[in-house]
C-alpha cells in the first residue's frame, strides 16, 4: 500500500506537487483577503515568513502527518497565512490515523486558531462566532477524513477479498483438474485390469495346451499380441494423465463407455473362453445418463474380470434390467472357484463399491450356496 497517498491513485511526486499547488493558492488567497484595505505593517513580514514556511512544510503532511500538522498549528497561532496548510494537515491526519489521534490534532488546531483570533481579530465578526466557525470547519474535516478512511479500508478489503477469491478459484480449478485426472486414471485402471485378465486367460491356454493345432496357437498368439499393444496404449494414457499438470481436454483419453458397449464387453470375454450368458431388459439404453452408463459398464467389467480371475472356466450369468424412472439393476453370478495363486483380491470390489456409492447406488457382493453374486442398484432419473 502506498504510504504517501492512501488511495494509491497518485505517486509520491504527484502528491507533493498537488499539495504545494493547493497550499500555495490558499495561502495567497488568505493573504490577499487579510491585507486587502489594510495598511502594510510589521505583521506583514510575519505573515509572509509564516506563509512561506508553512508552504514549504505542507508536503511533510504526506510523510509525517501528525508531527507536521502540529508544527503548522503552531504557525497558525501566529499567522492566518498558516491556516490553510494546518487544515490540510488535519484532513490528512483524519484520513490516515485513528480517530482519537485525529480528534486530538483537530482540538490542537482549534486551540491554535483560538489563540490567533484572540490576538489578531478579523474585525468582520465577533470572536465567539469566528471560533464557532473554526470549530465547525475542523469538525467537517474530521468527518470528511473519517469517511475517506472508511472508504479506503472498504476498497482495500474488497481488493483483498477479490484476490483471495481469485486464489481460491485457482485452487478449486486445480483440485477439479486433479480429481478429474484421478477419476480418469481409475477408469483406465479398470480397463487395464480387464485387458490383462484376458491376456492371462489366453496365455494360460497356450501354456496348458501346447498340443493345440498351429492355427489355434497362432490365433491365441495374435490375440495376446493385440491385447498387449492395447494394454500398452492404455498404460501410456494413464502415465500421461498422472504426469501432465494441465492435460488438454480429451487428449489421450478413450471415449466414455455407454450401455450399448456392454455386449461388446461380453463378446471379448467369450472370445477369451469364458461362457457368458447376457440377459438384457433395458428400455431406452441410449437415454441413460453418462455417469450411469459408465458405472454400469464398470460393474459388468469388474464382474467379468473377477470371474476370470477366481473362477476360470466357469459360466457367468449377467442380467441387466431397468428403465428411466425405475433405476437400473445389474446382477452377475458365477460358481465359486479356487482362487489362483498370485492374484490379489478385494481391492477392485472396494473401489467399485465406492464408485457405485458416488453414483447414488448400492453394491452388494457375497458368496451363497457355492455361487458368487454381484448385485448393483443404480438410480436412473426419469
Protein backbone atom coordinates (compact mmCIF):
# COMPACT_ATOMS: atom_id res chain seq x y z
CA UNK A 1 0.00 0.00 0.00
CA UNK A 2 1.30 3.48 -0.83
CA UNK A 3 2.37 5.21 2.37
CA UNK A 4 2.04 8.72 0.94
CA UNK A 5 -1.24 8.51 -0.96
CA UNK A 6 -3.86 6.34 0.71
CA UNK A 7 -5.87 5.69 -2.39
CA UNK A 8 -2.82 4.80 -4.44
CA UNK A 9 -4.01 6.96 -7.39
CA UNK A 10 -1.01 9.31 -7.33
CA UNK A 11 2.69 8.54 -6.97
CA UNK A 12 4.55 10.48 -4.21
CA UNK A 13 5.93 13.11 -6.59
CA UNK A 14 2.49 13.92 -7.97
CA UNK A 15 1.07 14.13 -4.43
CA UNK A 16 3.78 16.60 -3.41
CA UNK A 17 3.04 18.76 -6.44
CA UNK A 18 -0.68 18.75 -5.67
CA UNK A 19 -0.12 19.68 -2.02
CA UNK A 20 2.21 22.54 -2.97
CA UNK A 21 -0.20 23.91 -5.57
CA UNK A 22 -3.27 23.75 -3.32
CA UNK A 23 -1.44 25.15 -0.29
CA UNK A 24 0.12 27.95 -2.36
CA UNK A 25 -3.20 29.07 -3.79
CA UNK A 26 -4.94 29.00 -0.39
CA UNK A 27 -2.10 30.88 1.31
CA UNK A 28 -2.13 33.55 -1.42
CA UNK A 29 -5.92 33.91 -1.17
CA UNK A 30 -5.71 34.20 2.64
CA UNK A 31 -3.01 36.86 2.43
CA UNK A 32 -4.95 38.90 -0.13
CA UNK A 33 -8.15 38.66 1.88
CA UNK A 34 -6.46 39.59 5.14
CA UNK A 35 -4.41 42.58 3.90
CA UNK A 36 -6.89 44.00 1.42
CA UNK A 37 -7.80 47.51 2.58
CA UNK A 38 -5.27 47.40 5.43
CA UNK A 39 -2.05 49.41 5.57
CA UNK A 40 1.16 47.41 5.47
CA UNK A 41 2.72 46.98 8.87
CA UNK A 42 5.20 44.87 10.85
CA UNK A 43 2.79 41.91 10.84
CA UNK A 44 3.03 41.70 7.05
CA UNK A 45 6.59 40.41 7.32
CA UNK A 46 5.45 37.86 9.91
CA UNK A 47 2.64 36.67 7.64
CA UNK A 48 4.96 36.42 4.64
CA UNK A 49 7.50 34.42 6.62
CA UNK A 50 4.84 32.18 8.18
CA UNK A 51 3.17 31.68 4.82
CA UNK A 52 6.43 30.76 3.08
CA UNK A 53 7.48 28.40 5.89
CA UNK A 54 4.08 26.70 6.07
CA UNK A 55 4.07 26.32 2.28
CA UNK A 56 7.43 24.56 2.46
CA UNK A 57 6.27 22.35 5.35
CA UNK A 58 2.96 21.42 3.72
CA UNK A 59 4.32 18.36 1.80
CA UNK A 60 5.53 16.87 5.08
CA UNK A 61 1.93 16.01 5.97
CA UNK A 62 2.25 13.22 3.39
CA UNK A 63 5.16 11.65 5.28
CA UNK A 64 4.58 12.63 8.93
CA UNK A 65 1.02 13.97 9.17
CA UNK A 66 0.79 14.30 12.96
CA UNK A 67 4.16 15.99 13.54
CA UNK A 68 3.88 18.26 10.51
CA UNK A 69 0.33 19.31 11.43
CA UNK A 70 1.44 20.12 14.98
CA UNK A 71 4.14 22.49 13.64
CA UNK A 72 1.69 24.05 11.19
CA UNK A 73 -0.83 24.57 14.01
CA UNK A 74 1.81 26.49 15.98
CA UNK A 75 2.42 28.66 12.91
CA UNK A 76 -1.35 29.13 12.54
CA UNK A 77 -1.47 30.52 16.09
CA UNK A 78 0.95 33.20 14.94
CA UNK A 79 -0.37 34.00 11.46
CA UNK A 80 -3.53 33.34 9.44
CA UNK A 81 -1.27 32.61 6.45
CA UNK A 82 -0.52 29.19 8.01
CA UNK A 83 -4.18 28.28 8.48
CA UNK A 84 -4.67 26.57 5.06
CA UNK A 85 -1.68 24.18 5.46
CA UNK A 86 -2.76 23.48 9.06
CA UNK A 87 -6.27 22.47 7.96
CA UNK A 88 -4.82 20.35 5.13
CA UNK A 89 -2.69 18.59 7.72
CA UNK A 90 -5.73 17.99 9.95
CA UNK A 91 -7.53 16.40 6.99
CA UNK A 92 -4.56 14.14 6.29
CA UNK A 93 -4.42 13.04 9.92
CA UNK A 94 -8.15 12.24 9.86
CA UNK A 95 -7.66 10.16 6.72
CA UNK A 96 -4.58 8.24 7.78
CA UNK A 97 -4.63 7.94 11.56
CA UNK A 98 -7.01 6.53 14.14
CA UNK A 99 -9.96 8.64 15.13
CA UNK A 100 -8.73 9.52 18.67
CA UNK A 101 -5.48 10.84 17.21
CA UNK A 102 -7.41 12.84 14.62
CA UNK A 103 -9.61 14.35 17.36
CA UNK A 104 -6.54 15.40 19.34
CA UNK A 105 -4.94 17.04 16.31
CA UNK A 106 -8.22 18.81 15.44
CA UNK A 107 -8.54 20.07 19.01
CA UNK A 108 -4.98 21.41 18.82
CA UNK A 109 -5.87 23.17 15.58
CA UNK A 110 -8.97 24.77 17.13
CA UNK A 111 -6.86 25.90 20.11
CA UNK A 112 -4.24 27.40 17.77
CA UNK A 113 -6.88 29.37 15.90
CA UNK A 114 -8.41 30.45 19.18
CA UNK A 115 -5.03 31.97 20.06
CA UNK A 116 -4.79 33.54 16.61
CA UNK A 117 -8.26 35.08 16.88
CA UNK A 118 -7.52 36.37 20.38
CA UNK A 119 -4.52 38.50 19.43
CA UNK A 120 -5.34 39.08 15.76
CA UNK A 121 -9.12 39.54 15.48
CA UNK A 122 -10.52 39.60 11.97
CA UNK A 123 -12.83 42.50 12.71
CA UNK A 124 -15.57 41.16 10.44
CA UNK A 125 -17.41 39.12 13.12
CA UNK A 126 -17.34 38.53 16.83
CA UNK A 127 -14.70 36.30 18.35
CA UNK A 128 -17.28 33.74 19.52
CA UNK A 129 -18.85 33.32 16.09
CA UNK A 130 -15.44 33.14 14.45
CA UNK A 131 -14.29 30.43 16.86
CA UNK A 132 -17.57 28.54 16.31
CA UNK A 133 -16.99 28.57 12.55
CA UNK A 134 -13.44 27.34 13.06
CA UNK A 135 -14.71 24.51 15.27
CA UNK A 136 -17.38 23.56 12.73
CA UNK A 137 -14.76 23.61 9.98
CA UNK A 138 -12.46 21.27 11.89
CA UNK A 139 -15.45 19.02 12.64
CA UNK A 140 -16.20 18.86 8.94
CA UNK A 141 -12.57 17.95 8.24
CA UNK A 142 -12.80 15.16 10.82
CA UNK A 143 -15.94 13.77 9.20
CA UNK A 144 -14.53 14.03 5.71
CA UNK A 145 -11.29 12.34 6.75
CA UNK A 146 -13.12 9.55 8.61
CA UNK A 147 -15.32 8.90 5.58
CA UNK A 148 -12.29 8.80 3.29
CA UNK A 149 -10.50 6.44 5.69
CA UNK A 150 -13.52 4.11 5.87
CA UNK A 151 -13.86 4.17 2.08
CA UNK A 152 -10.17 3.36 1.61
CA UNK A 153 -10.45 0.49 4.13
CA UNK A 154 -13.52 -0.84 2.32
CA UNK A 155 -11.81 -0.70 -1.06
CA UNK A 156 -8.74 -2.40 0.41
CA UNK A 157 -10.87 -5.16 1.93
CA UNK A 158 -12.75 -5.65 -1.35
CA UNK A 159 -9.48 -5.90 -3.25
CA UNK A 160 -8.15 -8.40 -0.73
CA UNK A 161 -11.38 -10.36 -0.94
CA UNK A 162 -11.19 -10.37 -4.72
CA UNK A 163 -7.56 -11.50 -4.56
CA UNK A 164 -8.47 -14.31 -2.17
CA UNK A 165 -11.47 -15.27 -4.28
CA UNK A 166 -9.25 -15.43 -7.36
CA UNK A 167 -6.69 -17.53 -5.48
CA UNK A 168 -9.48 -19.76 -4.15
CA UNK A 169 -10.89 -20.12 -7.64
CA UNK A 170 -7.47 -21.12 -8.92
CA UNK A 171 -7.17 -23.67 -6.13
CA UNK A 172 -10.61 -25.07 -6.90
CA UNK A 173 -9.76 -25.35 -10.59
CA UNK A 174 -6.54 -27.17 -9.71
CA UNK A 175 -8.41 -29.51 -7.37
CA UNK A 176 -11.08 -30.14 -10.01
CA UNK A 177 -8.40 -30.99 -12.54
CA UNK A 178 -6.71 -33.32 -10.08
CA UNK A 179 -9.99 -35.06 -9.20
CA UNK A 180 -10.85 -35.45 -12.86
CA UNK A 181 -7.38 -36.80 -13.57
CA UNK A 182 -7.75 -39.32 -10.77
CA UNK A 183 -11.19 -40.32 -11.99
CA UNK A 184 -9.89 -40.93 -15.48
CA UNK A 185 -6.92 -42.84 -14.07
CA UNK A 186 -9.31 -45.09 -12.15
CA UNK A 187 -11.29 -45.63 -15.34
CA UNK A 188 -8.12 -46.62 -17.15
CA UNK A 189 -7.13 -48.89 -14.27
CA UNK A 190 -10.36 -50.83 -14.67
CA UNK A 191 -9.87 -51.10 -18.42
CA UNK A 192 -6.29 -52.22 -17.99
CA UNK A 193 -7.22 -54.84 -15.39
CA UNK A 194 -9.86 -56.23 -17.75
CA UNK A 195 -7.38 -56.29 -20.63
CA UNK A 196 -4.68 -58.06 -18.62
CA UNK A 197 -7.11 -60.66 -17.35
CA UNK A 198 -7.96 -61.51 -20.97
CA UNK A 199 -4.26 -61.82 -21.77
CA UNK A 200 -3.75 -64.08 -18.77
CA UNK A 201 -6.55 -66.33 -19.97
CA UNK A 202 -5.12 -66.71 -23.46
CA UNK A 203 -1.57 -67.13 -22.17
CA UNK A 204 -2.76 -69.79 -19.74
CA UNK A 205 -4.49 -71.65 -22.56
CA UNK A 206 -1.31 -71.58 -24.64
CA UNK A 207 0.72 -72.81 -21.66
CA UNK A 208 -1.52 -75.71 -20.70
CA UNK A 209 -2.46 -76.77 -24.25
CA UNK A 210 0.84 -76.81 -26.15
CA UNK A 211 -0.53 -79.65 -28.31
CA UNK A 212 -3.24 -77.45 -29.84
CA UNK A 213 -3.42 -77.03 -33.57
CA UNK A 214 -0.99 -74.48 -35.02
CA UNK A 215 -3.91 -72.40 -36.23
CA UNK A 216 -5.33 -72.16 -32.70
CA UNK A 217 -1.93 -71.31 -31.24
CA UNK A 218 -1.41 -68.67 -33.92
CA UNK A 219 -4.83 -67.20 -33.24
CA UNK A 220 -4.18 -67.12 -29.49
CA UNK A 221 -0.76 -65.54 -30.03
CA UNK A 222 -2.34 -62.87 -32.24
CA UNK A 223 -4.92 -62.10 -29.55
CA UNK A 224 -2.16 -61.83 -26.95
CA UNK A 225 -0.14 -59.56 -29.20
CA UNK A 226 -3.10 -57.26 -29.90
CA UNK A 227 -4.04 -57.26 -26.22
CA UNK A 228 -0.50 -56.32 -25.16
CA UNK A 229 -0.50 -53.49 -27.68
CA UNK A 230 -3.83 -52.16 -26.41
CA UNK A 231 -2.71 -52.54 -22.79
CA UNK A 232 0.46 -50.55 -23.51
CA UNK A 233 -1.57 -47.81 -25.18
CA UNK A 234 -3.92 -47.63 -22.21
CA UNK A 235 -0.99 -47.66 -19.77
CA UNK A 236 0.57 -44.79 -21.69
CA UNK A 237 -2.69 -42.88 -21.29
CA UNK A 238 -2.63 -43.42 -17.53
CA UNK A 239 1.00 -42.29 -17.22
CA UNK A 240 0.38 -39.18 -19.32
CA UNK A 241 -2.59 -38.26 -17.13
CA UNK A 242 -0.56 -38.64 -13.95
CA UNK A 243 2.43 -36.68 -15.27
CA UNK A 244 0.72 -33.87 -17.14
CA UNK A 245 -0.10 -30.88 -14.89
CA UNK A 246 -2.55 -29.38 -17.38
CA UNK A 247 -3.67 -32.01 -19.87
CA UNK A 248 -5.55 -30.92 -22.93
CA UNK A 249 -9.24 -31.69 -22.89
CA UNK A 250 -9.79 -35.21 -24.09
CA UNK A 251 -6.16 -35.80 -25.02
CA UNK A 252 -5.12 -39.42 -24.61
CA UNK A 253 -8.49 -40.42 -23.12
CA UNK A 254 -10.80 -43.02 -24.64
CA UNK A 255 -14.47 -42.13 -25.15
CA UNK A 256 -16.57 -42.91 -22.08
CA UNK A 257 -18.43 -46.22 -22.31
CA UNK A 258 -22.19 -46.43 -22.74
CA UNK A 259 -24.73 -49.18 -22.12
CA UNK A 260 -24.53 -50.23 -25.76
CA UNK A 261 -20.86 -51.19 -25.18
CA UNK A 262 -21.73 -53.93 -22.67
CA UNK A 263 -22.46 -56.58 -25.38
CA UNK A 264 -19.05 -55.88 -26.89
CA UNK A 265 -17.50 -56.30 -23.45
CA UNK A 266 -19.27 -59.64 -23.06
CA UNK A 267 -18.11 -60.69 -26.54
CA UNK A 268 -14.49 -60.07 -25.55
CA UNK A 269 -14.90 -62.36 -22.56
CA UNK A 270 -16.49 -65.02 -24.73
CA UNK A 271 -13.58 -64.78 -27.15
CA UNK A 272 -11.29 -65.38 -24.18
CA UNK A 273 -13.07 -68.64 -23.47
CA UNK A 274 -15.47 -67.52 -20.72
CA UNK A 275 -19.01 -68.78 -21.09
CA UNK A 276 -21.16 -65.69 -20.55
CA UNK A 277 -24.94 -65.54 -20.69
CA UNK A 278 -26.23 -61.99 -21.15
CA UNK A 279 -29.87 -61.12 -20.44
CA UNK A 280 -30.81 -57.54 -21.26
CA UNK A 281 -34.14 -55.95 -20.40
CA UNK A 282 -33.25 -52.28 -20.58
CA UNK A 283 -35.64 -49.74 -22.02
CA UNK A 284 -34.12 -46.82 -23.94
CA UNK A 285 -30.45 -47.63 -23.20
CA UNK A 286 -29.34 -44.70 -25.35
CA UNK A 287 -31.10 -42.32 -22.94
CA UNK A 288 -29.02 -43.44 -19.95
CA UNK A 289 -27.05 -40.58 -18.34
CA UNK A 290 -23.27 -40.79 -18.94
CA UNK A 291 -22.49 -41.33 -15.26
CA UNK A 292 -25.00 -44.18 -15.02
CA UNK A 293 -23.76 -45.83 -18.21
CA UNK A 294 -20.14 -45.54 -17.18
CA UNK A 295 -20.78 -47.00 -13.73
CA UNK A 296 -22.86 -49.87 -15.13
CA UNK A 297 -20.14 -50.68 -17.64
CA UNK A 298 -17.51 -50.79 -14.87
CA UNK A 299 -19.69 -53.05 -12.72
CA UNK A 300 -20.06 -55.58 -15.55
CA UNK A 301 -16.37 -55.27 -16.42
CA UNK A 302 -15.28 -55.89 -12.83
CA UNK A 303 -17.67 -58.82 -12.51
CA UNK A 304 -16.30 -60.50 -15.64
CA UNK A 305 -12.72 -59.79 -14.60
CA UNK A 306 -13.26 -61.34 -11.17
CA UNK A 307 -14.93 -64.37 -12.74
CA UNK A 308 -11.89 -64.99 -14.95
CA UNK A 309 -9.53 -64.48 -12.02
CA UNK A 310 -11.26 -66.55 -9.38
CA UNK A 311 -13.49 -68.97 -11.32
CA UNK A 312 -11.72 -69.65 -14.58
CA UNK A 313 -13.68 -71.85 -16.92
CA UNK A 314 -16.95 -71.41 -15.00
CA UNK A 315 -20.06 -69.97 -16.68
CA UNK A 316 -21.10 -66.41 -15.87
CA UNK A 317 -24.65 -65.04 -15.99
CA UNK A 318 -25.09 -61.29 -16.50
CA UNK A 319 -28.54 -59.72 -16.15
CA UNK A 320 -29.42 -56.09 -16.80
CA UNK A 321 -32.88 -54.65 -16.39
CA UNK A 322 -34.19 -51.15 -15.91
CA UNK A 323 -35.75 -48.08 -17.43
CA UNK A 324 -35.85 -44.33 -16.84
CA UNK A 325 -37.52 -43.52 -13.55
CA UNK A 326 -37.23 -47.09 -12.22
CA UNK A 327 -33.47 -47.41 -11.96
CA UNK A 328 -31.02 -49.96 -13.33
CA UNK A 329 -30.36 -53.37 -11.78
CA UNK A 330 -27.22 -55.36 -12.57
CA UNK A 331 -26.83 -58.94 -11.41
CA UNK A 332 -23.73 -61.05 -12.12
CA UNK A 333 -23.41 -64.62 -10.90
CA UNK A 334 -20.82 -67.35 -11.33
CA UNK A 335 -19.89 -70.51 -9.45
CA UNK A 336 -17.23 -70.05 -6.80
CA UNK A 337 -13.90 -71.48 -7.92
CA UNK A 338 -10.49 -71.90 -6.35
CA UNK A 339 -8.66 -68.60 -6.31
CA UNK A 340 -5.45 -68.81 -8.37
CA UNK A 341 -2.24 -68.14 -6.53
CA UNK A 342 -0.65 -64.79 -7.18
CA UNK A 343 -3.93 -62.93 -7.71
CA UNK A 344 -4.85 -60.15 -5.31
CA UNK A 345 -8.49 -60.00 -4.30
CA UNK A 346 -10.84 -57.44 -2.84
CA UNK A 347 -9.30 -54.14 -3.93
CA UNK A 348 -11.32 -53.98 -7.14
CA UNK A 349 -14.59 -54.57 -5.32
CA UNK A 350 -13.74 -51.92 -2.73
CA UNK A 351 -13.14 -49.35 -5.45
CA UNK A 352 -16.25 -50.50 -7.31
CA UNK A 353 -18.36 -50.13 -4.18
CA UNK A 354 -17.13 -46.55 -3.77
CA UNK A 355 -17.82 -45.80 -7.43
CA UNK A 356 -21.41 -47.07 -7.16
CA UNK A 357 -21.95 -45.17 -3.92
CA UNK A 358 -20.78 -41.91 -5.54
CA UNK A 359 -23.29 -42.57 -8.34
CA UNK A 360 -26.05 -42.74 -5.73
CA UNK A 361 -26.47 -46.50 -5.91
CA UNK A 362 -25.66 -49.58 -3.86
CA UNK A 363 -23.42 -52.57 -4.49
CA UNK A 364 -23.71 -55.95 -2.76
CA UNK A 365 -21.44 -58.95 -3.24
CA UNK A 366 -21.48 -62.26 -1.45
CA UNK A 367 -20.89 -65.99 -1.88
CA UNK A 368 -24.07 -68.01 -1.30
CA UNK A 369 -24.51 -71.75 -1.83
CA UNK A 370 -21.34 -72.07 -3.89
CA UNK A 371 -22.22 -69.12 -6.08
CA UNK A 372 -20.69 -65.66 -6.11
CA UNK A 373 -23.25 -62.92 -6.61
CA UNK A 374 -22.56 -59.32 -7.51
CA UNK A 375 -25.61 -57.04 -7.47
CA UNK A 376 -25.73 -53.30 -8.17
CA UNK A 377 -28.68 -50.93 -7.98
CA UNK A 378 -28.26 -47.58 -9.72
CA UNK A 379 -30.71 -44.67 -9.87
CA UNK A 380 -31.98 -43.69 -13.31
CA UNK A 381 -33.88 -40.41 -13.33
CA UNK A 382 -36.96 -40.22 -15.46
